[in-house]
Amino acid sequence: MHKTQAKLTISPSHLVCPQCMEVLVREDIEGFGHCPYCDHLFEPDAEIEDFLLSPVVAQWAVQQRPQPQADDPRLAP
């Protein structure tokens, strides 16, 4: 049985529950994987993983940027 799922993410910080159509934020589903309004179970898929992990990846990317050294000539006034 093939199940077609509509796109759930409506912005980087919001998604829509496909069952009750409530707008949810990351904190609503990150710990339990269920909609707090209708108890819909979010099946793990690429869209849900991207939604939940995007802030973690963004923070990691910021931390990986090289920091300028104090003796860097580009920092001289």
N, C-alpha and C. Protein backbone atom coordinates (compact mmCIF):
# COMPACT_ATOMS: atom_id res chain seq x y z
N MET A 1 0.85 -1.18 0.00
CA MET A 1 0.00 0.00 0.00
C MET A 1 0.89 1.23 0.00
N HIS A 2 0.71 2.10 -0.97
CA HIS A 2 1.50 3.33 -1.09
C HIS A 2 0.72 4.47 -0.45
N LYS A 3 1.37 5.17 0.45
CA LYS A 3 0.72 6.28 1.15
C LYS A 3 1.38 7.57 0.70
N THR A 4 0.60 8.50 0.18
CA THR A 4 1.12 9.80 -0.22
C THR A 4 0.97 10.75 0.96
N GLN A 5 2.07 11.42 1.27
CA GLN A 5 2.04 12.35 2.40
C GLN A 5 2.32 13.75 1.87
N ALA A 6 1.44 14.68 2.24
CA ALA A 6 1.63 16.06 1.84
C ALA A 6 2.80 16.65 2.62
N LYS A 7 3.34 17.71 2.09
CA LYS A 7 4.43 18.39 2.78
C LYS A 7 3.91 18.96 4.09
N LEU A 8 4.63 18.65 5.17
CA LEU A 8 4.20 19.07 6.49
C LEU A 8 4.83 20.38 6.93
N THR A 9 6.05 20.63 6.49
CA THR A 9 6.79 21.81 6.95
C THR A 9 6.27 23.05 6.23
N ILE A 10 5.87 24.05 7.00
CA ILE A 10 5.38 25.29 6.39
C ILE A 10 6.37 26.44 6.56
N SER A 11 7.35 26.27 7.45
CA SER A 11 8.43 27.23 7.63
C SER A 11 9.55 26.49 8.36
N PRO A 12 10.73 27.09 8.48
CA PRO A 12 11.80 26.39 9.18
C PRO A 12 11.47 26.06 10.64
N SER A 13 10.51 26.76 11.22
CA SER A 13 10.20 26.52 12.63
C SER A 13 8.78 26.02 12.87
N HIS A 14 8.00 25.76 11.82
CA HIS A 14 6.62 25.31 11.98
C HIS A 14 6.28 24.19 11.01
N LEU A 15 5.45 23.26 11.47
CA LEU A 15 4.90 22.25 10.59
C LEU A 15 3.44 22.04 10.92
N VAL A 16 2.73 21.37 10.03
CA VAL A 16 1.30 21.16 10.20
C VAL A 16 1.05 19.68 10.44
N CYS A 17 0.23 19.37 11.44
CA CYS A 17 -0.17 17.99 11.69
C CYS A 17 -1.11 17.57 10.55
N PRO A 18 -0.81 16.46 9.87
CA PRO A 18 -1.66 16.05 8.75
C PRO A 18 -3.03 15.54 9.18
N GLN A 19 -3.20 15.24 10.45
CA GLN A 19 -4.49 14.73 10.92
C GLN A 19 -5.42 15.84 11.38
N CYS A 20 -4.93 16.72 12.27
CA CYS A 20 -5.82 17.77 12.82
C CYS A 20 -5.54 19.15 12.22
N MET A 21 -4.47 19.27 11.43
CA MET A 21 -4.10 20.50 10.75
C MET A 21 -3.66 21.62 11.69
N GLU A 22 -3.30 21.29 12.93
CA GLU A 22 -2.76 22.29 13.85
C GLU A 22 -1.33 22.63 13.45
N VAL A 23 -0.95 23.87 13.65
CA VAL A 23 0.42 24.30 13.40
C VAL A 23 1.24 23.97 14.64
N LEU A 24 2.35 23.26 14.43
CA LEU A 24 3.18 22.80 15.54
C LEU A 24 4.57 23.40 15.43
N VAL A 25 5.24 23.49 16.56
CA VAL A 25 6.64 23.90 16.59
C VAL A 25 7.49 22.69 16.96
N ARG A 26 8.78 22.81 16.80
CA ARG A 26 9.72 21.71 17.03
C ARG A 26 9.52 21.07 18.41
N GLU A 27 9.35 21.88 19.42
CA GLU A 27 9.22 21.38 20.78
C GLU A 27 7.97 20.53 20.98
N ASP A 28 6.97 20.73 20.12
CA ASP A 28 5.74 19.95 20.24
C ASP A 28 5.96 18.46 19.95
N ILE A 29 6.90 18.14 19.07
CA ILE A 29 7.05 16.73 18.69
C ILE A 29 8.44 16.15 18.92
N GLU A 30 9.43 16.95 19.26
CA GLU A 30 10.79 16.43 19.31
C GLU A 30 11.00 15.37 20.37
N GLY A 31 10.29 15.38 21.47
CA GLY A 31 10.50 14.40 22.52
C GLY A 31 9.62 13.17 22.40
N PHE A 32 8.45 13.30 21.80
CA PHE A 32 7.49 12.20 21.81
C PHE A 32 7.10 11.72 20.42
N GLY A 33 7.21 12.57 19.41
CA GLY A 33 6.84 12.16 18.05
C GLY A 33 5.35 12.09 17.80
N HIS A 34 4.56 12.66 18.72
CA HIS A 34 3.10 12.68 18.57
C HIS A 34 2.62 14.12 18.57
N CYS A 35 1.52 14.36 17.87
CA CYS A 35 0.87 15.66 17.92
C CYS A 35 0.25 15.83 19.31
N PRO A 36 0.51 16.94 20.00
CA PRO A 36 -0.07 17.14 21.33
C PRO A 36 -1.58 17.42 21.29
N TYR A 37 -2.13 17.69 20.11
CA TYR A 37 -3.55 18.01 20.00
C TYR A 37 -4.40 16.78 19.69
N CYS A 38 -3.90 15.91 18.79
CA CYS A 38 -4.73 14.77 18.36
C CYS A 38 -4.02 13.43 18.54
N ASP A 39 -2.79 13.44 19.03
CA ASP A 39 -2.00 12.23 19.28
C ASP A 39 -1.58 11.51 18.01
N HIS A 40 -1.57 12.23 16.88
CA HIS A 40 -1.10 11.64 15.63
C HIS A 40 0.38 11.27 15.77
N LEU A 41 0.73 10.07 15.35
CA LEU A 41 2.12 9.62 15.39
C LEU A 41 2.82 10.06 14.12
N PHE A 42 3.90 10.82 14.26
CA PHE A 42 4.70 11.23 13.11
C PHE A 42 5.68 10.12 12.79
N GLU A 43 5.52 9.52 11.63
CA GLU A 43 6.44 8.47 11.20
C GLU A 43 7.78 9.12 10.85
N PRO A 44 8.87 8.50 11.27
CA PRO A 44 10.18 9.07 10.92
C PRO A 44 10.38 9.06 9.41
N ASP A 45 10.68 10.19 8.85
CA ASP A 45 11.03 10.30 7.44
C ASP A 45 11.99 11.47 7.28
N ALA A 46 12.45 11.69 6.09
CA ALA A 46 13.46 12.73 5.84
C ALA A 46 12.96 14.11 6.21
N GLU A 47 11.69 14.41 5.93
CA GLU A 47 11.16 15.74 6.23
C GLU A 47 11.12 16.00 7.74
N ILE A 48 10.66 15.04 8.51
CA ILE A 48 10.60 15.20 9.96
C ILE A 48 12.02 15.28 10.54
N GLU A 49 12.92 14.43 10.05
CA GLU A 49 14.31 14.49 10.53
C GLU A 49 14.94 15.84 10.24
N ASP A 50 14.74 16.35 9.02
CA ASP A 50 15.28 17.67 8.68
C ASP A 50 14.69 18.75 9.58
N PHE A 51 13.39 18.69 9.84
CA PHE A 51 12.73 19.68 10.68
C PHE A 51 13.31 19.65 12.10
N LEU A 52 13.50 18.46 12.64
CA LEU A 52 13.99 18.35 14.01
C LEU A 52 15.47 18.66 14.15
N LEU A 53 16.27 18.29 13.14
CA LEU A 53 17.72 18.43 13.25
C LEU A 53 18.28 19.73 12.69
N SER A 54 17.51 20.49 11.95
CA SER A 54 18.06 21.69 11.31
C SER A 54 18.69 22.67 12.30
N PRO A 55 18.12 22.95 13.48
CA PRO A 55 18.80 23.87 14.40
C PRO A 55 20.10 23.28 14.95
N VAL A 56 20.14 21.98 15.14
CA VAL A 56 21.35 21.34 15.64
C VAL A 56 22.47 21.45 14.60
N VAL A 57 22.14 21.19 13.36
CA VAL A 57 23.11 21.28 12.28
C VAL A 57 23.57 22.72 12.09
N ALA A 58 22.65 23.67 12.17
CA ALA A 58 23.02 25.08 12.02
C ALA A 58 23.97 25.51 13.12
N GLN A 59 23.70 25.11 14.35
CA GLN A 59 24.58 25.46 15.47
C GLN A 59 25.95 24.80 15.29
N TRP A 60 25.98 23.57 14.86
CA TRP A 60 27.24 22.87 14.61
C TRP A 60 28.05 23.60 13.54
N ALA A 61 27.39 24.03 12.47
CA ALA A 61 28.08 24.74 11.39
C ALA A 61 28.70 26.04 11.89
N VAL A 62 28.00 26.76 12.75
CA VAL A 62 28.54 28.00 13.32
C VAL A 62 29.78 27.69 14.15
N GLN A 63 29.73 26.64 14.92
CA GLN A 63 30.86 26.27 15.78
C GLN A 63 32.06 25.79 14.97
N GLN A 64 31.85 25.32 13.76
CA GLN A 64 32.94 24.80 12.94
C GLN A 64 33.67 25.88 12.14
N ARG A 65 33.11 27.08 12.10
CA ARG A 65 33.77 28.16 11.37
C ARG A 65 35.09 28.49 12.05
N PRO A 66 36.14 28.70 11.27
CA PRO A 66 37.42 29.05 11.90
C PRO A 66 37.34 30.42 12.57
N GLN A 67 37.87 30.49 13.76
CA GLN A 67 37.89 31.74 14.52
C GLN A 67 39.17 32.51 14.18
N PRO A 68 39.09 33.82 13.96
CA PRO A 68 40.30 34.61 13.67
C PRO A 68 41.25 34.60 14.87
N GLN A 69 42.52 34.52 14.56
CA GLN A 69 43.55 34.52 15.60
C GLN A 69 43.92 35.96 15.94
N ALA A 70 44.37 36.20 17.16
CA ALA A 70 44.72 37.55 17.62
C ALA A 70 45.86 38.14 16.78
N ASP A 71 46.75 37.30 16.26
CA ASP A 71 47.88 37.82 15.47
C ASP A 71 47.55 37.87 13.96
N ASP A 72 46.30 37.76 13.62
CA ASP A 72 45.86 37.82 12.21
C ASP A 72 46.00 39.26 11.71
N PRO A 73 46.79 39.51 10.65
CA PRO A 73 46.98 40.88 10.16
C PRO A 73 45.69 41.52 9.67
N ARG A 74 44.68 40.73 9.35
CA ARG A 74 43.42 41.30 8.90
C ARG A 74 42.68 41.99 10.03
N LEU A 75 43.07 41.73 11.28
CA LEU A 75 42.41 42.34 12.42
C LEU A 75 43.07 43.65 12.85
N ALA A 76 44.20 44.00 12.25
CA ALA A 76 44.91 45.22 12.63
C ALA A 76 44.07 46.44 12.26
N PRO A 77 44.08 47.48 13.10
CA PRO A 77 43.28 48.69 12.83
C PRO A 77 43.80 49.51 11.68
